[in-house]
Amino acid sequence: MLGICPNCKIKLKEPPFNKRNTNEVMLVLAYRDLVETGKIPKKIEELGYCELCNAKKEDLERQKGK
């Protein structure tokens, strides 16, 4: 386990948590389901949030220290 969301690459065990999914197993299963059905998850920049873990773009920026 890498401890990151497979879609947006946010670190799951580091704040901010803001109502996002931090269960890596569930995220990987959801990502795998999307890939196997031929759906491509949208980038966090397009939607403003991650389709898998529900992290907001601001959460990712705050975590990276930008």
PDB file of N, CA and C in Angstrom:
ATOM      1  N   MET A   1       0.837  -1.181   0.000  1.00  0.00           N
ATOM      2  CA  MET A   1       0.000   0.000   0.000  1.00  0.00           C
ATOM      3  C   MET A   1       0.888   1.252   0.000  1.00  0.00           C
ATOM      4  N   LEU A   2       0.504   2.174  -0.818  1.00  0.00           N
ATOM      5  CA  LEU A   2       1.314   3.374  -0.990  1.00  0.00           C
ATOM      6  C   LEU A   2       0.863   4.543  -0.124  1.00  0.00           C
ATOM      7  N   GLY A   3      -0.398   4.531   0.326  1.00  0.00           N
ATOM      8  CA  GLY A   3      -0.892   5.613   1.161  1.00  0.00           C
ATOM      9  C   GLY A   3      -1.315   6.847   0.393  1.00  0.00           C
ATOM     10  N   ILE A   4      -1.570   6.686  -0.930  1.00  0.00           N
ATOM     11  CA  ILE A   4      -2.021   7.818  -1.735  1.00  0.00           C
ATOM     12  C   ILE A   4      -3.255   7.412  -2.538  1.00  0.00           C
ATOM     13  N   CYS A   5      -4.030   8.391  -2.930  1.00  0.00           N
ATOM     14  CA  CYS A   5      -5.181   8.151  -3.799  1.00  0.00           C
ATOM     15  C   CYS A   5      -4.653   7.861  -5.206  1.00  0.00           C
ATOM     16  N   PRO A   6      -5.133   6.789  -5.854  1.00  0.00           N
ATOM     17  CA  PRO A   6      -4.624   6.469  -7.195  1.00  0.00           C
ATOM     18  C   PRO A   6      -5.011   7.489  -8.265  1.00  0.00           C
ATOM     19  N   ASN A   7      -5.983   8.334  -7.976  1.00  0.00           N
ATOM     20  CA  ASN A   7      -6.419   9.314  -8.975  1.00  0.00           C
ATOM     21  C   ASN A   7      -5.738  10.669  -8.788  1.00  0.00           C
ATOM     22  N   CYS A   8      -5.844  11.246  -7.603  1.00  0.00           N
ATOM     23  CA  CYS A   8      -5.329  12.615  -7.416  1.00  0.00           C
ATOM     24  C   CYS A   8      -3.976  12.665  -6.709  1.00  0.00           C
ATOM     25  N   LYS A   9      -3.524  11.533  -6.184  1.00  0.00           N
ATOM     26  CA  LYS A   9      -2.211  11.406  -5.531  1.00  0.00           C
ATOM     27  C   LYS A   9      -2.101  12.146  -4.202  1.00  0.00           C
ATOM     28  N   ILE A  10      -3.214  12.465  -3.551  1.00  0.00           N
ATOM     29  CA  ILE A  10      -3.160  13.081  -2.230  1.00  0.00           C
ATOM     30  C   ILE A  10      -2.755  12.019  -1.215  1.00  0.00           C
ATOM     31  N   LYS A  11      -1.982  12.399  -0.223  1.00  0.00           N
ATOM     32  CA  LYS A  11      -1.561  11.463   0.821  1.00  0.00           C
ATOM     33  C   LYS A  11      -2.748  11.238   1.759  1.00  0.00           C
ATOM     34  N   LEU A  12      -3.100   9.981   1.968  1.00  0.00           N
ATOM     35  CA  LEU A  12      -4.317   9.644   2.695  1.00  0.00           C
ATOM     36  C   LEU A  12      -4.223   9.832   4.196  1.00  0.00           C
ATOM     37  N   LYS A  13      -3.062   9.708   4.766  1.00  0.00           N
ATOM     38  CA  LYS A  13      -2.908   9.763   6.220  1.00  0.00           C
ATOM     39  C   LYS A  13      -2.425  11.106   6.740  1.00  0.00           C
ATOM     40  N   GLU A  14      -2.379  12.108   5.872  1.00  0.00           N
ATOM     41  CA  GLU A  14      -1.942  13.432   6.298  1.00  0.00           C
ATOM     42  C   GLU A  14      -3.076  14.435   6.123  1.00  0.00           C
ATOM     43  N   PRO A  15      -3.181  15.412   7.045  1.00  0.00           N
ATOM     44  CA  PRO A  15      -4.249  16.417   6.926  1.00  0.00           C
ATOM     45  C   PRO A  15      -4.028  17.293   5.703  1.00  0.00           C
ATOM     46  N   PRO A  16      -5.041  17.987   5.223  1.00  0.00           N
ATOM     47  CA  PRO A  16      -6.409  18.102   5.749  1.00  0.00           C
ATOM     48  C   PRO A  16      -7.271  16.912   5.325  1.00  0.00           C
ATOM     49  N   PHE A  17      -8.197  16.516   6.203  1.00  0.00           N
ATOM     50  CA  PHE A  17      -9.040  15.359   5.932  1.00  0.00           C
ATOM     51  C   PHE A  17     -10.413  15.762   5.375  1.00  0.00           C
ATOM     52  N   ASN A  18     -10.996  16.840   5.831  1.00  0.00           N
ATOM     53  CA  ASN A  18     -12.209  17.465   5.266  1.00  0.00           C
ATOM     54  C   ASN A  18     -13.187  16.532   4.549  1.00  0.00           C
ATOM     55  N   LYS A  19     -13.694  15.542   5.252  1.00  0.00           N
ATOM     56  CA  LYS A  19     -14.743  14.657   4.735  1.00  0.00           C
ATOM     57  C   LYS A  19     -14.335  13.906   3.470  1.00  0.00           C
ATOM     58  N   ARG A  20     -13.093  13.489   3.402  1.00  0.00           N
ATOM     59  CA  ARG A  20     -12.669  12.698   2.252  1.00  0.00           C
ATOM     60  C   ARG A  20     -12.426  11.264   2.678  1.00  0.00           C
ATOM     61  N   ASN A  21     -12.479  10.361   1.729  1.00  0.00           N
ATOM     62  CA  ASN A  21     -12.286   8.947   1.993  1.00  0.00           C
ATOM     63  C   ASN A  21     -10.788   8.668   2.140  1.00  0.00           C
ATOM     64  N   THR A  22     -10.397   8.066   3.253  1.00  0.00           N
ATOM     65  CA  THR A  22      -8.984   7.753   3.483  1.00  0.00           C
ATOM     66  C   THR A  22      -8.742   6.244   3.506  1.00  0.00           C
ATOM     67  N   ASN A  23      -9.729   5.455   3.146  1.00  0.00           N
ATOM     68  CA  ASN A  23      -9.591   3.996   3.131  1.00  0.00           C
ATOM     69  C   ASN A  23      -8.972   3.579   1.794  1.00  0.00           C
ATOM     70  N   GLU A  24      -7.699   3.245   1.836  1.00  0.00           N
ATOM     71  CA  GLU A  24      -6.952   2.964   0.606  1.00  0.00           C
ATOM     72  C   GLU A  24      -7.501   1.756  -0.149  1.00  0.00           C
ATOM     73  N   VAL A  25      -7.925   0.739   0.564  1.00  0.00           N
ATOM     74  CA  VAL A  25      -8.450  -0.462  -0.088  1.00  0.00           C
ATOM     75  C   VAL A  25      -9.707  -0.118  -0.888  1.00  0.00           C
ATOM     76  N   MET A  26     -10.603   0.638  -0.300  1.00  0.00           N
ATOM     77  CA  MET A  26     -11.828   1.020  -1.003  1.00  0.00           C
ATOM     78  C   MET A  26     -11.528   1.915  -2.206  1.00  0.00           C
ATOM     79  N   LEU A  27     -10.552   2.792  -2.072  1.00  0.00           N
ATOM     80  CA  LEU A  27     -10.175   3.665  -3.190  1.00  0.00           C
ATOM     81  C   LEU A  27      -9.593   2.868  -4.348  1.00  0.00           C
ATOM     82  N   VAL A  28      -8.742   1.902  -4.036  1.00  0.00           N
ATOM     83  CA  VAL A  28      -8.134   1.081  -5.084  1.00  0.00           C
ATOM     84  C   VAL A  28      -9.197   0.244  -5.782  1.00  0.00           C
ATOM     85  N   LEU A  29     -10.137  -0.305  -5.008  1.00  0.00           N
ATOM     86  CA  LEU A  29     -11.214  -1.088  -5.614  1.00  0.00           C
ATOM     87  C   LEU A  29     -12.084  -0.221  -6.528  1.00  0.00           C
ATOM     88  N   ALA A  30     -12.411   0.989  -6.095  1.00  0.00           N
ATOM     89  CA  ALA A  30     -13.213   1.898  -6.918  1.00  0.00           C
ATOM     90  C   ALA A  30     -12.448   2.287  -8.187  1.00  0.00           C
ATOM     91  N   TYR A  31     -11.152   2.563  -8.053  1.00  0.00           N
ATOM     92  CA  TYR A  31     -10.320   2.916  -9.206  1.00  0.00           C
ATOM     93  C   TYR A  31     -10.232   1.746 -10.183  1.00  0.00           C
ATOM     94  N   ARG A  32     -10.034   0.573  -9.640  1.00  0.00           N
ATOM     95  CA  ARG A  32      -9.936  -0.628 -10.469  1.00  0.00           C
ATOM     96  C   ARG A  32     -11.239  -0.883 -11.229  1.00  0.00           C
ATOM     97  N   ASP A  33     -12.372  -0.658 -10.563  1.00  0.00           N
ATOM     98  CA  ASP A  33     -13.672  -0.822 -11.210  1.00  0.00           C
ATOM     99  C   ASP A  33     -13.824   0.151 -12.379  1.00  0.00           C
ATOM    100  N   LEU A  34     -13.417   1.402 -12.174  1.00  0.00           N
ATOM    101  CA  LEU A  34     -13.489   2.389 -13.254  1.00  0.00           C
ATOM    102  C   LEU A  34     -12.620   1.976 -14.442  1.00  0.00           C
ATOM    103  N   VAL A  35     -11.407   1.539 -14.161  1.00  0.00           N
ATOM    104  CA  VAL A  35     -10.477   1.169 -15.228  1.00  0.00           C
ATOM    105  C   VAL A  35     -10.966  -0.066 -15.982  1.00  0.00           C
ATOM    106  N   GLU A  36     -11.461  -1.047 -15.233  1.00  0.00           N
ATOM    107  CA  GLU A  36     -11.918  -2.287 -15.874  1.00  0.00           C
ATOM    108  C   GLU A  36     -13.173  -2.086 -16.721  1.00  0.00           C
ATOM    109  N   THR A  37     -13.991  -1.107 -16.372  1.00  0.00           N
ATOM    110  CA  THR A  37     -15.191  -0.830 -17.168  1.00  0.00           C
ATOM    111  C   THR A  37     -14.916   0.166 -18.298  1.00  0.00           C
ATOM    112  N   GLY A  38     -13.677   0.596 -18.422  1.00  0.00           N
ATOM    113  CA  GLY A  38     -13.294   1.477 -19.519  1.00  0.00           C
ATOM    114  C   GLY A  38     -13.559   2.950 -19.268  1.00  0.00           C
ATOM    115  N   LYS A  39     -13.935   3.301 -18.052  1.00  0.00           N
ATOM    116  CA  LYS A  39     -14.160   4.710 -17.718  1.00  0.00           C
ATOM    117  C   LYS A  39     -12.854   5.313 -17.229  1.00  0.00           C
ATOM    118  N   ILE A  40     -12.609   6.523 -17.636  1.00  0.00           N
ATOM    119  CA  ILE A  40     -11.403   7.208 -17.207  1.00  0.00           C
ATOM    120  C   ILE A  40     -11.810   8.239 -16.159  1.00  0.00           C
ATOM    121  N   PRO A  41     -11.264   8.129 -14.939  1.00  0.00           N
ATOM    122  CA  PRO A  41     -11.616   9.120 -13.918  1.00  0.00           C
ATOM    123  C   PRO A  41     -11.116  10.503 -14.315  1.00  0.00           C
ATOM    124  N   LYS A  42     -11.951  11.486 -14.100  1.00  0.00           N
ATOM    125  CA  LYS A  42     -11.587  12.860 -14.444  1.00  0.00           C
ATOM    126  C   LYS A  42     -10.535  13.383 -13.472  1.00  0.00           C
ATOM    127  N   LYS A  43      -9.722  14.275 -13.951  1.00  0.00           N
ATOM    128  CA  LYS A  43      -8.672  14.877 -13.132  1.00  0.00           C
ATOM    129  C   LYS A  43      -9.290  15.843 -12.123  1.00  0.00           C
ATOM    130  N   ILE A  44      -8.603  16.031 -11.003  1.00  0.00           N
ATOM    131  CA  ILE A  44      -9.082  16.910  -9.947  1.00  0.00           C
ATOM    132  C   ILE A  44      -9.155  18.364 -10.442  1.00  0.00           C
ATOM    133  N   GLU A  45      -8.302  18.715 -11.393  1.00  0.00           N
ATOM    134  CA  GLU A  45      -8.307  20.074 -11.935  1.00  0.00           C
ATOM    135  C   GLU A  45      -9.587  20.363 -12.729  1.00  0.00           C
ATOM    136  N   GLU A  46     -10.154  19.336 -13.370  1.00  0.00           N
ATOM    137  CA  GLU A  46     -11.370  19.512 -14.166  1.00  0.00           C
ATOM    138  C   GLU A  46     -12.604  19.705 -13.298  1.00  0.00           C
ATOM    139  N   LEU A  47     -12.733  18.885 -12.260  1.00  0.00           N
ATOM    140  CA  LEU A  47     -13.939  18.892 -11.437  1.00  0.00           C
ATOM    141  C   LEU A  47     -13.844  19.785 -10.200  1.00  0.00           C
ATOM    142  N   GLY A  48     -12.635  19.998  -9.717  1.00  0.00           N
ATOM    143  CA  GLY A  48     -12.461  20.729  -8.470  1.00  0.00           C
ATOM    144  C   GLY A  48     -12.435  19.804  -7.264  1.00  0.00           C
ATOM    145  N   TYR A  49     -12.672  18.519  -7.493  1.00  0.00           N
ATOM    146  CA  TYR A  49     -12.591  17.503  -6.440  1.00  0.00           C
ATOM    147  C   TYR A  49     -12.241  16.175  -7.091  1.00  0.00           C
ATOM    148  N   CYS A  50     -11.796  15.232  -6.279  1.00  0.00           N
ATOM    149  CA  CYS A  50     -11.432  13.908  -6.781  1.00  0.00           C
ATOM    150  C   CYS A  50     -12.656  13.003  -6.769  1.00  0.00           C
ATOM    151  N   GLU A  51     -12.905  12.314  -7.864  1.00  0.00           N
ATOM    152  CA  GLU A  51     -14.043  11.406  -7.965  1.00  0.00           C
ATOM    153  C   GLU A  51     -13.936  10.230  -7.002  1.00  0.00           C
ATOM    154  N   LEU A  52     -12.736   9.831  -6.651  1.00  0.00           N
ATOM    155  CA  LEU A  52     -12.560   8.647  -5.800  1.00  0.00           C
ATOM    156  C   LEU A  52     -12.575   8.978  -4.316  1.00  0.00           C
ATOM    157  N   CYS A  53     -11.727   9.895  -3.887  1.00  0.00           N
ATOM    158  CA  CYS A  53     -11.590  10.147  -2.450  1.00  0.00           C
ATOM    159  C   CYS A  53     -12.312  11.404  -1.975  1.00  0.00           C
ATOM    160  N   ASN A  54     -12.899  12.158  -2.875  1.00  0.00           N
ATOM    161  CA  ASN A  54     -13.638  13.386  -2.566  1.00  0.00           C
ATOM    162  C   ASN A  54     -12.762  14.514  -2.027  1.00  0.00           C
ATOM    163  N   ALA A  55     -11.464  14.428  -2.234  1.00  0.00           N
ATOM    164  CA  ALA A  55     -10.583  15.520  -1.829  1.00  0.00           C
ATOM    165  C   ALA A  55     -10.826  16.712  -2.746  1.00  0.00           C
ATOM    166  N   LYS A  56     -10.825  17.886  -2.169  1.00  0.00           N
ATOM    167  CA  LYS A  56     -10.988  19.103  -2.961  1.00  0.00           C
ATOM    168  C   LYS A  56      -9.625  19.550  -3.473  1.00  0.00           C
ATOM    169  N   LYS A  57      -9.658  20.318  -4.524  1.00  0.00           N
ATOM    170  CA  LYS A  57      -8.416  20.834  -5.102  1.00  0.00           C
ATOM    171  C   LYS A  57      -7.640  21.643  -4.064  1.00  0.00           C
ATOM    172  N   GLU A  58      -8.362  22.379  -3.219  1.00  0.00           N
ATOM    173  CA  GLU A  58      -7.717  23.174  -2.165  1.00  0.00           C
ATOM    174  C   GLU A  58      -7.013  22.280  -1.149  1.00  0.00           C
ATOM    175  N   ASP A  59      -7.608  21.111  -0.842  1.00  0.00           N
ATOM    176  CA  ASP A  59      -6.980  20.173   0.093  1.00  0.00           C
ATOM    177  C   ASP A  59      -5.638  19.697  -0.440  1.00  0.00           C
ATOM    178  N   LEU A  60      -5.604  19.357  -1.719  1.00  0.00           N
ATOM    179  CA  LEU A  60      -4.369  18.884  -2.344  1.00  0.00           C
ATOM    180  C   LEU A  60      -3.304  19.979  -2.335  1.00  0.00           C
ATOM    181  N   GLU A  61      -3.701  21.204  -2.633  1.00  0.00           N
ATOM    182  CA  GLU A  61      -2.761  22.317  -2.641  1.00  0.00           C
ATOM    183  C   GLU A  61      -2.233  22.611  -1.237  1.00  0.00           C
ATOM    184  N   ARG A  62      -3.129  22.554  -0.222  1.00  0.00           N
ATOM    185  CA  ARG A  62      -2.697  22.785   1.156  1.00  0.00           C
ATOM    186  C   ARG A  62      -1.742  21.700   1.636  1.00  0.00           C
ATOM    187  N   GLN A  63      -1.986  20.458   1.220  1.00  0.00           N
ATOM    188  CA  GLN A  63      -1.121  19.365   1.634  1.00  0.00           C
ATOM    189  C   GLN A  63       0.276  19.491   1.009  1.00  0.00           C
ATOM    190  N   LYS A  64       0.323  19.951  -0.198  1.00  0.00           N
ATOM    191  CA  LYS A  64       1.606  20.106  -0.885  1.00  0.00           C
ATOM    192  C   LYS A  64       2.332  21.374  -0.461  1.00  0.00           C
ATOM    193  N   GLY A  65       1.655  22.223   0.311  1.00  0.00           N
ATOM    194  CA  GLY A  65       2.294  23.435   0.820  1.00  0.00           C
ATOM    195  C   GLY A  65       2.359  24.560  -0.170  1.00  0.00           C
ATOM    196  N   LYS A  66       1.429  24.582  -1.110  1.00  0.00           N
ATOM    197  CA  LYS A  66       1.435  25.650  -2.111  1.00  0.00           C
ATOM    198  C   LYS A  66       0.647  26.838  -1.627  1.00  0.00           C
TER     199      LYS A  66
END
